[in-house]
Amino acid sequence: MKLILAIINNDDSVAVTSALTRENFSVTKLTTTGGFLLAGNTTLVVGSDDERVDQAEEIIKEHSKARMSTPDATDSLGKGLADSGMAPEVLVGGATVFVISVDRMNKY
């Protein structure tokens, strides 16, 4: 048994969750915030049999797209850097996936 933690962009959460659910994976969705850009993310918690981990990862990869974005940062005066044209575009999205071995899982 494995526990999959997938950190994905909020914009991809519906597509990833729907695709996993269609393939009979149990998914719990957590709203999270990234530390670098302080942007909203979604962390999916997925339980999987060992044999289906690769399938789950393929689904996550297929529906999690990287994209360019301007961070919503402010300068020392509190002015938005994006509004001033000073904020660089950065690559966001995609997925960060952790696969953790589980000794036991109970459902009550």
PDB file of N, CA and C in Angstrom:
ATOM      1  N   MET A   1       0.851  -1.173   0.000  1.00  0.00           N
ATOM      2  CA  MET A   1       0.000   0.000   0.000  1.00  0.00           C
ATOM      3  C   MET A   1       0.891   1.228   0.000  1.00  0.00           C
ATOM      4  N   LYS A   2       0.499   2.228  -0.788  1.00  0.00           N
ATOM      5  CA  LYS A   2       1.252   3.473  -0.873  1.00  0.00           C
ATOM      6  C   LYS A   2       0.331   4.662  -0.624  1.00  0.00           C
ATOM      7  N   LEU A   3       0.925   5.719  -0.095  1.00  0.00           N
ATOM      8  CA  LEU A   3       0.253   6.997   0.068  1.00  0.00           C
ATOM      9  C   LEU A   3       0.923   7.960  -0.902  1.00  0.00           C
ATOM     10  N   ILE A   4       0.137   8.537  -1.788  1.00  0.00           N
ATOM     11  CA  ILE A   4       0.655   9.485  -2.767  1.00  0.00           C
ATOM     12  C   ILE A   4       0.223  10.883  -2.343  1.00  0.00           C
ATOM     13  N   LEU A   5       1.195  11.779  -2.189  1.00  0.00           N
ATOM     14  CA  LEU A   5       0.919  13.193  -1.941  1.00  0.00           C
ATOM     15  C   LEU A   5       1.311  13.931  -3.205  1.00  0.00           C
ATOM     16  N   ALA A   6       0.354  14.566  -3.852  1.00  0.00           N
ATOM     17  CA  ALA A   6       0.616  15.293  -5.093  1.00  0.00           C
ATOM     18  C   ALA A   6       0.282  16.758  -4.886  1.00  0.00           C
ATOM     19  N   ILE A   7       1.282  17.618  -5.016  1.00  0.00           N
ATOM     20  CA  ILE A   7       1.079  19.058  -4.890  1.00  0.00           C
ATOM     21  C   ILE A   7       0.956  19.611  -6.299  1.00  0.00           C
ATOM     22  N   ILE A   8      -0.213  20.182  -6.597  1.00  0.00           N
ATOM     23  CA  ILE A   8      -0.495  20.652  -7.948  1.00  0.00           C
ATOM     24  C   ILE A   8      -1.043  22.071  -7.913  1.00  0.00           C
ATOM     25  N   ASN A   9      -1.048  22.718  -9.057  1.00  0.00           N
ATOM     26  CA  ASN A   9      -1.605  24.060  -9.182  1.00  0.00           C
ATOM     27  C   ASN A   9      -3.119  24.003  -9.018  1.00  0.00           C
ATOM     28  N   ASN A  10      -3.693  25.003  -8.353  1.00  0.00           N
ATOM     29  CA  ASN A  10      -5.155  25.053  -8.196  1.00  0.00           C
ATOM     30  C   ASN A  10      -5.883  24.935  -9.526  1.00  0.00           C
ATOM     31  N   ASP A  11      -5.309  25.525 -10.578  1.00  0.00           N
ATOM     32  CA  ASP A  11      -5.965  25.503 -11.886  1.00  0.00           C
ATOM     33  C   ASP A  11      -6.109  24.090 -12.443  1.00  0.00           C
ATOM     34  N   ASP A  12      -5.299  23.158 -11.979  1.00  0.00           N
ATOM     35  CA  ASP A  12      -5.338  21.778 -12.475  1.00  0.00           C
ATOM     36  C   ASP A  12      -6.108  20.833 -11.562  1.00  0.00           C
ATOM     37  N   SER A  13      -6.538  21.305 -10.404  1.00  0.00           N
ATOM     38  CA  SER A  13      -7.070  20.396  -9.380  1.00  0.00           C
ATOM     39  C   SER A  13      -8.332  19.653  -9.820  1.00  0.00           C
ATOM     40  N   VAL A  14      -9.233  20.323 -10.506  1.00  0.00           N
ATOM     41  CA  VAL A  14     -10.475  19.646 -10.923  1.00  0.00           C
ATOM     42  C   VAL A  14     -10.177  18.558 -11.938  1.00  0.00           C
ATOM     43  N   ALA A  15      -9.325  18.858 -12.917  1.00  0.00           N
ATOM     44  CA  ALA A  15      -9.007  17.866 -13.951  1.00  0.00           C
ATOM     45  C   ALA A  15      -8.295  16.655 -13.359  1.00  0.00           C
ATOM     46  N   VAL A  16      -7.335  16.883 -12.471  1.00  0.00           N
ATOM     47  CA  VAL A  16      -6.582  15.774 -11.878  1.00  0.00           C
ATOM     48  C   VAL A  16      -7.489  14.942 -10.982  1.00  0.00           C
ATOM     49  N   THR A  17      -8.252  15.599 -10.126  1.00  0.00           N
ATOM     50  CA  THR A  17      -9.142  14.891  -9.202  1.00  0.00           C
ATOM     51  C   THR A  17     -10.178  14.071  -9.971  1.00  0.00           C
ATOM     52  N   SER A  18     -10.770  14.662 -10.990  1.00  0.00           N
ATOM     53  CA  SER A  18     -11.775  13.952 -11.795  1.00  0.00           C
ATOM     54  C   SER A  18     -11.179  12.736 -12.489  1.00  0.00           C
ATOM     55  N   ALA A  19      -9.986  12.891 -13.066  1.00  0.00           N
ATOM     56  CA  ALA A  19      -9.351  11.777 -13.772  1.00  0.00           C
ATOM     57  C   ALA A  19      -8.999  10.643 -12.814  1.00  0.00           C
ATOM     58  N   LEU A  20      -8.485  10.976 -11.643  1.00  0.00           N
ATOM     59  CA  LEU A  20      -8.166   9.939 -10.650  1.00  0.00           C
ATOM     60  C   LEU A  20      -9.432   9.229 -10.173  1.00  0.00           C
ATOM     61  N   THR A  21     -10.477   9.987  -9.922  1.00  0.00           N
ATOM     62  CA  THR A  21     -11.740   9.401  -9.453  1.00  0.00           C
ATOM     63  C   THR A  21     -12.343   8.475 -10.511  1.00  0.00           C
ATOM     64  N   ARG A  22     -12.275   8.876 -11.790  1.00  0.00           N
ATOM     65  CA  ARG A  22     -12.784   8.027 -12.882  1.00  0.00           C
ATOM     66  C   ARG A  22     -12.095   6.673 -12.913  1.00  0.00           C
ATOM     67  N   GLU A  23     -10.832   6.646 -12.480  1.00  0.00           N
ATOM     68  CA  GLU A  23     -10.071   5.395 -12.470  1.00  0.00           C
ATOM     69  C   GLU A  23     -10.130   4.698 -11.105  1.00  0.00           C
ATOM     70  N   ASN A  24     -11.094   5.108 -10.284  1.00  0.00           N
ATOM     71  CA  ASN A  24     -11.368   4.464  -8.993  1.00  0.00           C
ATOM     72  C   ASN A  24     -10.271   4.629  -7.943  1.00  0.00           C
ATOM     73  N   PHE A  25      -9.562   5.759  -7.988  1.00  0.00           N
ATOM     74  CA  PHE A  25      -8.658   6.100  -6.900  1.00  0.00           C
ATOM     75  C   PHE A  25      -9.435   6.929  -5.890  1.00  0.00           C
ATOM     76  N   SER A  26      -9.196   6.681  -4.605  1.00  0.00           N
ATOM     77  CA  SER A  26      -9.782   7.502  -3.552  1.00  0.00           C
ATOM     78  C   SER A  26      -8.898   8.725  -3.375  1.00  0.00           C
ATOM     79  N   VAL A  27      -9.502   9.916  -3.453  1.00  0.00           N
ATOM     80  CA  VAL A  27      -8.737  11.158  -3.424  1.00  0.00           C
ATOM     81  C   VAL A  27      -9.291  12.078  -2.345  1.00  0.00           C
ATOM     82  N   THR A  28      -8.402  12.627  -1.535  1.00  0.00           N
ATOM     83  CA  THR A  28      -8.761  13.682  -0.589  1.00  0.00           C
ATOM     84  C   THR A  28      -8.021  14.934  -1.024  1.00  0.00           C
ATOM     85  N   LYS A  29      -8.753  16.037  -1.119  1.00  0.00           N
ATOM     86  CA  LYS A  29      -8.209  17.301  -1.615  1.00  0.00           C
ATOM     87  C   LYS A  29      -7.988  18.261  -0.449  1.00  0.00           C
ATOM     88  N   LEU A  30      -6.764  18.782  -0.338  1.00  0.00           N
ATOM     89  CA  LEU A  30      -6.422  19.756   0.695  1.00  0.00           C
ATOM     90  C   LEU A  30      -6.006  21.064   0.028  1.00  0.00           C
ATOM     91  N   THR A  31      -6.499  22.184   0.535  1.00  0.00           N
ATOM     92  CA  THR A  31      -6.082  23.481   0.040  1.00  0.00           C
ATOM     93  C   THR A  31      -4.800  23.873   0.754  1.00  0.00           C
ATOM     94  N   THR A  32      -3.743  24.179  -0.015  1.00  0.00           N
ATOM     95  CA  THR A  32      -2.446  24.502   0.570  1.00  0.00           C
ATOM     96  C   THR A  32      -1.873  25.754  -0.096  1.00  0.00           C
ATOM     97  N   THR A  33      -0.828  26.295   0.506  1.00  0.00           N
ATOM     98  CA  THR A  33      -0.161  27.479  -0.034  1.00  0.00           C
ATOM     99  C   THR A  33       1.317  27.188  -0.176  1.00  0.00           C
ATOM    100  N   GLY A  34       1.866  27.498  -1.352  1.00  0.00           N
ATOM    101  CA  GLY A  34       3.287  27.285  -1.593  1.00  0.00           C
ATOM    102  C   GLY A  34       4.131  28.308  -0.851  1.00  0.00           C
ATOM    103  N   GLY A  35       5.313  27.920  -0.449  1.00  0.00           N
ATOM    104  CA  GLY A  35       6.180  28.808   0.316  1.00  0.00           C
ATOM    105  C   GLY A  35       6.949  29.796  -0.531  1.00  0.00           C
ATOM    106  N   PHE A  36       7.245  29.473  -1.791  1.00  0.00           N
ATOM    107  CA  PHE A  36       8.073  30.344  -2.621  1.00  0.00           C
ATOM    108  C   PHE A  36       7.275  31.517  -3.169  1.00  0.00           C
ATOM    109  N   LEU A  37       6.178  31.246  -3.860  1.00  0.00           N
ATOM    110  CA  LEU A  37       5.375  32.314  -4.455  1.00  0.00           C
ATOM    111  C   LEU A  37       4.179  32.690  -3.595  1.00  0.00           C
ATOM    112  N   LEU A  38       3.987  31.978  -2.490  1.00  0.00           N
ATOM    113  CA  LEU A  38       2.825  32.183  -1.631  1.00  0.00           C
ATOM    114  C   LEU A  38       1.529  32.089  -2.421  1.00  0.00           C
ATOM    115  N   ALA A  39       1.522  31.226  -3.408  1.00  0.00           N
ATOM    116  CA  ALA A  39       0.353  31.042  -4.269  1.00  0.00           C
ATOM    117  C   ALA A  39      -0.429  29.820  -3.823  1.00  0.00           C
ATOM    118  N   GLY A  40      -1.703  29.796  -4.155  1.00  0.00           N
ATOM    119  CA  GLY A  40      -2.553  28.679  -3.798  1.00  0.00           C
ATOM    120  C   GLY A  40      -2.198  27.427  -4.571  1.00  0.00           C
ATOM    121  N   ASN A  41      -2.134  26.339  -3.870  1.00  0.00           N
ATOM    122  CA  ASN A  41      -1.912  25.020  -4.446  1.00  0.00           C
ATOM    123  C   ASN A  41      -3.012  24.100  -3.954  1.00  0.00           C
ATOM    124  N   THR A  42      -3.039  22.928  -4.507  1.00  0.00           N
ATOM    125  CA  THR A  42      -3.891  21.867  -4.003  1.00  0.00           C
ATOM    126  C   THR A  42      -2.989  20.669  -3.734  1.00  0.00           C
ATOM    127  N   THR A  43      -3.134  20.068  -2.564  1.00  0.00           N
ATOM    128  CA  THR A  43      -2.420  18.838  -2.257  1.00  0.00           C
ATOM    129  C   THR A  43      -3.434  17.711  -2.253  1.00  0.00           C
ATOM    130  N   LEU A  44      -3.195  16.720  -3.100  1.00  0.00           N
ATOM    131  CA  LEU A  44      -4.066  15.558  -3.166  1.00  0.00           C
ATOM    132  C   LEU A  44      -3.444  14.422  -2.375  1.00  0.00           C
ATOM    133  N   VAL A  45      -4.257  13.766  -1.576  1.00  0.00           N
ATOM    134  CA  VAL A  45      -3.851  12.598  -0.802  1.00  0.00           C
ATOM    135  C   VAL A  45      -4.557  11.404  -1.431  1.00  0.00           C
ATOM    136  N   VAL A  46      -3.754  10.471  -1.939  1.00  0.00           N
ATOM    137  CA  VAL A  46      -4.306   9.343  -2.687  1.00  0.00           C
ATOM    138  C   VAL A  46      -3.744   8.057  -2.099  1.00  0.00           C
ATOM    139  N   GLY A  47      -4.635   7.139  -1.748  1.00  0.00           N
ATOM    140  CA  GLY A  47      -4.218   5.807  -1.325  1.00  0.00           C
ATOM    141  C   GLY A  47      -4.205   4.892  -2.531  1.00  0.00           C
ATOM    142  N   SER A  48      -3.179   4.054  -2.654  1.00  0.00           N
ATOM    143  CA  SER A  48      -3.083   3.198  -3.833  1.00  0.00           C
ATOM    144  C   SER A  48      -2.426   1.870  -3.496  1.00  0.00           C
ATOM    145  N   ASP A  49      -2.889   0.832  -4.166  1.00  0.00           N
ATOM    146  CA  ASP A  49      -2.162  -0.433  -4.122  1.00  0.00           C
ATOM    147  C   ASP A  49      -0.833  -0.217  -4.833  1.00  0.00           C
ATOM    148  N   ASP A  50       0.177  -0.967  -4.444  1.00  0.00           N
ATOM    149  CA  ASP A  50       1.508  -0.813  -5.029  1.00  0.00           C
ATOM    150  C   ASP A  50       1.481  -0.884  -6.557  1.00  0.00           C
ATOM    151  N   GLU A  51       0.678  -1.799  -7.081  1.00  0.00           N
ATOM    152  CA  GLU A  51       0.637  -2.037  -8.528  1.00  0.00           C
ATOM    153  C   GLU A  51       0.044  -0.865  -9.314  1.00  0.00           C
ATOM    154  N   ARG A  52      -0.685   0.030  -8.658  1.00  0.00           N
ATOM    155  CA  ARG A  52      -1.373   1.110  -9.370  1.00  0.00           C
ATOM    156  C   ARG A  52      -0.710   2.479  -9.208  1.00  0.00           C
ATOM    157  N   VAL A  53       0.424   2.533  -8.524  1.00  0.00           N
ATOM    158  CA  VAL A  53       1.099   3.815  -8.289  1.00  0.00           C
ATOM    159  C   VAL A  53       1.508   4.465  -9.609  1.00  0.00           C
ATOM    160  N   ASP A  54       2.088   3.687 -10.512  1.00  0.00           N
ATOM    161  CA  ASP A  54       2.511   4.251 -11.801  1.00  0.00           C
ATOM    162  C   ASP A  54       1.325   4.828 -12.571  1.00  0.00           C
ATOM    163  N   GLN A  55       0.191   4.148 -12.523  1.00  0.00           N
ATOM    164  CA  GLN A  55      -1.013   4.638 -13.202  1.00  0.00           C
ATOM    165  C   GLN A  55      -1.456   5.972 -12.602  1.00  0.00           C
ATOM    166  N   ALA A  56      -1.459   6.060 -11.284  1.00  0.00           N
ATOM    167  CA  ALA A  56      -1.855   7.312 -10.629  1.00  0.00           C
ATOM    168  C   ALA A  56      -0.899   8.440 -11.005  1.00  0.00           C
ATOM    169  N   GLU A  57       0.396   8.152 -11.006  1.00  0.00           N
ATOM    170  CA  GLU A  57       1.377   9.182 -11.365  1.00  0.00           C
ATOM    171  C   GLU A  57       1.200   9.640 -12.817  1.00  0.00           C
ATOM    172  N   GLU A  58       0.902   8.733 -13.712  1.00  0.00           N
ATOM    173  CA  GLU A  58       0.671   9.111 -15.113  1.00  0.00           C
ATOM    174  C   GLU A  58      -0.538  10.036 -15.245  1.00  0.00           C
ATOM    175  N   ILE A  59      -1.593   9.737 -14.507  1.00  0.00           N
ATOM    176  CA  ILE A  59      -2.792  10.584 -14.535  1.00  0.00           C
ATOM    177  C   ILE A  59      -2.455  11.981 -14.017  1.00  0.00           C
ATOM    178  N   ILE A  60      -1.735  12.043 -12.916  1.00  0.00           N
ATOM    179  CA  ILE A  60      -1.358  13.333 -12.336  1.00  0.00           C
ATOM    180  C   ILE A  60      -0.498  14.115 -13.331  1.00  0.00           C
ATOM    181  N   LYS A  61       0.481  13.446 -13.912  1.00  0.00           N
ATOM    182  CA  LYS A  61       1.379  14.094 -14.873  1.00  0.00           C
ATOM    183  C   LYS A  61       0.612  14.603 -16.097  1.00  0.00           C
ATOM    184  N   GLU A  62      -0.300  13.798 -16.604  1.00  0.00           N
ATOM    185  CA  GLU A  62      -1.056  14.159 -17.809  1.00  0.00           C
ATOM    186  C   GLU A  62      -1.922  15.408 -17.611  1.00  0.00           C
ATOM    187  N   HIS A  63      -2.445  15.589 -16.402  1.00  0.00           N
ATOM    188  CA  HIS A  63      -3.401  16.677 -16.155  1.00  0.00           C
ATOM    189  C   HIS A  63      -2.817  17.853 -15.371  1.00  0.00           C
ATOM    190  N   SER A  64      -1.510  17.830 -15.110  1.00  0.00           N
ATOM    191  CA  SER A  64      -0.862  18.928 -14.379  1.00  0.00           C
ATOM    192  C   SER A  64       0.086  19.644 -15.327  1.00  0.00           C
ATOM    193  N   LYS A  65      -0.305  20.804 -15.780  1.00  0.00           N
ATOM    194  CA  LYS A  65       0.468  21.525 -16.782  1.00  0.00           C
ATOM    195  C   LYS A  65       1.272  22.664 -16.169  1.00  0.00           C
ATOM    196  N   ALA A  66       2.524  22.782 -16.574  1.00  0.00           N
ATOM    197  CA  ALA A  66       3.354  23.916 -16.167  1.00  0.00           C
ATOM    198  C   ALA A  66       2.985  25.110 -17.038  1.00  0.00           C
ATOM    199  N   ARG A  67       3.065  26.307 -16.474  1.00  0.00           N
ATOM    200  CA  ARG A  67       2.724  27.535 -17.200  1.00  0.00           C
ATOM    201  C   ARG A  67       3.534  28.687 -16.640  1.00  0.00           C
ATOM    202  N   MET A  68       3.661  29.734 -17.411  1.00  0.00           N
ATOM    203  CA  MET A  68       4.360  30.929 -16.955  1.00  0.00           C
ATOM    204  C   MET A  68       3.362  31.814 -16.207  1.00  0.00           C
ATOM    205  N   SER A  69       3.824  32.451 -15.113  1.00  0.00           N
ATOM    206  CA  SER A  69       2.962  33.310 -14.314  1.00  0.00           C
ATOM    207  C   SER A  69       3.803  34.426 -13.704  1.00  0.00           C
ATOM    208  N   THR A  70       3.161  35.543 -13.433  1.00  0.00           N
ATOM    209  CA  THR A  70       3.814  36.646 -12.758  1.00  0.00           C
ATOM    210  C   THR A  70       3.445  36.583 -11.288  1.00  0.00           C
ATOM    211  N   PRO A  71       4.439  36.488 -10.380  1.00  0.00           N
ATOM    212  CA  PRO A  71       4.128  36.413  -8.952  1.00  0.00           C
ATOM    213  C   PRO A  71       3.435  37.683  -8.474  1.00  0.00           C
ATOM    214  N   ASP A  72       2.553  37.529  -7.530  1.00  0.00           N
ATOM    215  CA  ASP A  72       1.839  38.665  -6.948  1.00  0.00           C
ATOM    216  C   ASP A  72       2.645  39.178  -5.761  1.00  0.00           C
ATOM    217  N   ALA A  73       3.817  39.764  -6.058  1.00  0.00           N
ATOM    218  CA  ALA A  73       4.720  40.249  -5.007  1.00  0.00           C
ATOM    219  C   ALA A  73       4.591  41.759  -4.868  1.00  0.00           C
ATOM    220  N   THR A  74       5.049  42.275  -3.737  1.00  0.00           N
ATOM    221  CA  THR A  74       5.031  43.724  -3.519  1.00  0.00           C
ATOM    222  C   THR A  74       6.440  44.200  -3.205  1.00  0.00           C
ATOM    223  N   ASP A  75       6.688  45.475  -3.524  1.00  0.00           N
ATOM    224  CA  ASP A  75       7.987  46.046  -3.191  1.00  0.00           C
ATOM    225  C   ASP A  75       7.958  46.573  -1.759  1.00  0.00           C
ATOM    226  N   SER A  76       9.032  47.242  -1.337  1.00  0.00           N
ATOM    227  CA  SER A  76       9.131  47.710   0.051  1.00  0.00           C
ATOM    228  C   SER A  76       8.088  48.776   0.386  1.00  0.00           C
ATOM    229  N   LEU A  77       7.488  49.399  -0.617  1.00  0.00           N
ATOM    230  CA  LEU A  77       6.451  50.411  -0.379  1.00  0.00           C
ATOM    231  C   LEU A  77       5.046  49.824  -0.472  1.00  0.00           C
ATOM    232  N   GLY A  78       4.973  48.521  -0.687  1.00  0.00           N
ATOM    233  CA  GLY A  78       3.669  47.871  -0.768  1.00  0.00           C
ATOM    234  C   GLY A  78       3.023  47.947  -2.139  1.00  0.00           C
ATOM    235  N   LYS A  79       3.757  48.422  -3.138  1.00  0.00           N
ATOM    236  CA  LYS A  79       3.212  48.496  -4.500  1.00  0.00           C
ATOM    237  C   LYS A  79       3.381  47.133  -5.168  1.00  0.00           C
ATOM    238  N   GLY A  80       2.389  46.752  -5.937  1.00  0.00           N
ATOM    239  CA  GLY A  80       2.466  45.479  -6.649  1.00  0.00           C
ATOM    240  C   GLY A  80       3.535  45.519  -7.725  1.00  0.00           C
ATOM    241  N   LEU A  81       4.463  44.562  -7.682  1.00  0.00           N
ATOM    242  CA  LEU A  81       5.524  44.507  -8.683  1.00  0.00           C
ATOM    243  C   LEU A  81       4.983  44.166 -10.059  1.00  0.00           C
ATOM    244  N   ALA A  82       3.932  43.337 -10.108  1.00  0.00           N
ATOM    245  CA  ALA A  82       3.351  42.989 -11.398  1.00  0.00           C
ATOM    246  C   ALA A  82       2.774  44.230 -12.065  1.00  0.00           C
ATOM    247  N   ASP A  83       2.155  45.108 -11.290  1.00  0.00           N
ATOM    248  CA  ASP A  83       1.566  46.332 -11.840  1.00  0.00           C
ATOM    249  C   ASP A  83       2.633  47.271 -12.374  1.00  0.00           C
ATOM    250  N   SER A  84       3.813  47.267 -11.771  1.00  0.00           N
ATOM    251  CA  SER A  84       4.879  48.173 -12.196  1.00  0.00           C
ATOM    252  C   SER A  84       5.708  47.593 -13.336  1.00  0.00           C
ATOM    253  N   GLY A  85       5.453  46.342 -13.707  1.00  0.00           N
ATOM    254  CA  GLY A  85       6.228  45.700 -14.752  1.00  0.00           C
ATOM    255  C   GLY A  85       7.572  45.178 -14.278  1.00  0.00           C
ATOM    256  N   MET A  86       7.819  45.172 -12.972  1.00  0.00           N
ATOM    257  CA  MET A  86       9.115  44.764 -12.428  1.00  0.00           C
ATOM    258  C   MET A  86       9.157  43.295 -12.006  1.00  0.00           C
ATOM    259  N   ALA A  87       8.032  42.626 -11.976  1.00  0.00           N
ATOM    260  CA  ALA A  87       8.016  41.229 -11.529  1.00  0.00           C
ATOM    261  C   ALA A  87       8.329  40.313 -12.715  1.00  0.00           C
ATOM    262  N   PRO A  88       9.287  39.426 -12.552  1.00  0.00           N
ATOM    263  CA  PRO A  88       9.611  38.506 -13.647  1.00  0.00           C
ATOM    264  C   PRO A  88       8.567  37.407 -13.748  1.00  0.00           C
ATOM    265  N   GLU A  89       8.413  36.848 -14.947  1.00  0.00           N
ATOM    266  CA  GLU A  89       7.552  35.682 -15.087  1.00  0.00           C
ATOM    267  C   GLU A  89       8.333  34.458 -14.619  1.00  0.00           C
ATOM    268  N   VAL A  90       7.629  33.555 -13.953  1.00  0.00           N
ATOM    269  CA  VAL A  90       8.251  32.328 -13.469  1.00  0.00           C
ATOM    270  C   VAL A  90       7.405  31.138 -13.905  1.00  0.00           C
ATOM    271  N   LEU A  91       8.029  29.984 -13.966  1.00  0.00           N
ATOM    272  CA  LEU A  91       7.332  28.763 -14.330  1.00  0.00           C
ATOM    273  C   LEU A  91       6.614  28.217 -13.099  1.00  0.00           C
ATOM    274  N   VAL A  92       5.312  28.000 -13.201  1.00  0.00           N
ATOM    275  CA  VAL A  92       4.525  27.439 -12.104  1.00  0.00           C
ATOM    276  C   VAL A  92       3.740  26.246 -12.634  1.00  0.00           C
ATOM    277  N   GLY A  93       3.157  25.510 -11.726  1.00  0.00           N
ATOM    278  CA  GLY A  93       2.329  24.382 -12.120  1.00  0.00           C
ATOM    279  C   GLY A  93       3.132  23.102 -12.187  1.00  0.00           C
ATOM    280  N   GLY A  94       2.642  22.190 -12.986  1.00  0.00           N
ATOM    281  CA  GLY A  94       3.234  20.867 -12.979  1.00  0.00           C
ATOM    282  C   GLY A  94       2.795  20.166 -11.704  1.00  0.00           C
ATOM    283  N   ALA A  95       3.565  19.218 -11.261  1.00  0.00           N
ATOM    284  CA  ALA A  95       3.201  18.489 -10.046  1.00  0.00           C
ATOM    285  C   ALA A  95       4.456  18.059  -9.307  1.00  0.00           C
ATOM    286  N   THR A  96       4.375  18.088  -7.992  1.00  0.00           N
ATOM    287  CA  THR A  96       5.394  17.493  -7.137  1.00  0.00           C
ATOM    288  C   THR A  96       4.716  16.322  -6.447  1.00  0.00           C
ATOM    289  N   VAL A  97       5.264  15.135  -6.635  1.00  0.00           N
ATOM    290  CA  VAL A  97       4.601  13.918  -6.153  1.00  0.00           C
ATOM    291  C   VAL A  97       5.532  13.159  -5.203  1.00  0.00           C
ATOM    292  N   PHE A  98       4.991  12.829  -4.041  1.00  0.00           N
ATOM    293  CA  PHE A  98       5.693  12.009  -3.058  1.00  0.00           C
ATOM    294  C   PHE A  98       4.952  10.677  -2.959  1.00  0.00           C
ATOM    295  N   VAL A  99       5.672   9.577  -2.972  1.00  0.00           N
ATOM    296  CA  VAL A  99       5.077   8.251  -2.800  1.00  0.00           C
ATOM    297  C   VAL A  99       5.687   7.660  -1.530  1.00  0.00           C
ATOM    298  N   ILE A 100       4.807   7.351  -0.581  1.00  0.00           N
ATOM    299  CA  ILE A 100       5.231   6.924   0.752  1.00  0.00           C
ATOM    300  C   ILE A 100       4.669   5.528   1.033  1.00  0.00           C
ATOM    301  N   SER A 101       5.517   4.647   1.521  1.00  0.00           N
ATOM    302  CA  SER A 101       5.048   3.308   1.897  1.00  0.00           C
ATOM    303  C   SER A 101       4.184   3.391   3.145  1.00  0.00           C
ATOM    304  N   VAL A 102       3.121   2.613   3.153  1.00  0.00           N
ATOM    305  CA  VAL A 102       2.178   2.585   4.276  1.00  0.00           C
ATOM    306  C   VAL A 102       2.166   1.170   4.841  1.00  0.00           C
ATOM    307  N   ASP A 103       2.414   1.055   6.142  1.00  0.00           N
ATOM    308  CA  ASP A 103       2.402  -0.256   6.783  1.00  0.00           C
ATOM    309  C   ASP A 103       0.995  -0.786   6.971  1.00  0.00           C
ATOM    310  N   ARG A 104       0.072   0.122   7.284  1.00  0.00           N
ATOM    311  CA  ARG A 104      -1.296  -0.303   7.533  1.00  0.00           C
ATOM    312  C   ARG A 104      -2.242   0.848   7.277  1.00  0.00           C
ATOM    313  N   MET A 105      -3.434   0.509   6.749  1.00  0.00           N
ATOM    314  CA  MET A 105      -4.476   1.488   6.520  1.00  0.00           C
ATOM    315  C   MET A 105      -5.796   0.872   6.949  1.00  0.00           C
ATOM    316  N   ASN A 106      -6.558   1.593   7.738  1.00  0.00           N
ATOM    317  CA  ASN A 106      -7.865   1.132   8.174  1.00  0.00           C
ATOM    318  C   ASN A 106      -8.916   2.133   7.763  1.00  0.00           C
ATOM    319  N   LYS A 107     -10.065   1.644   7.335  1.00  0.00           N
ATOM    320  CA  LYS A 107     -11.207   2.486   7.008  1.00  0.00           C
ATOM    321  C   LYS A 107     -12.348   2.081   7.918  1.00  0.00           C
ATOM    322  N   TYR A 108     -12.848   3.045   8.689  1.00  0.00           N
ATOM    323  CA  TYR A 108     -13.935   2.723   9.630  1.00  0.00           C
ATOM    324  C   TYR A 108     -15.191   3.425   9.215  1.00  0.00           C
TER     325      TYR A 108
END
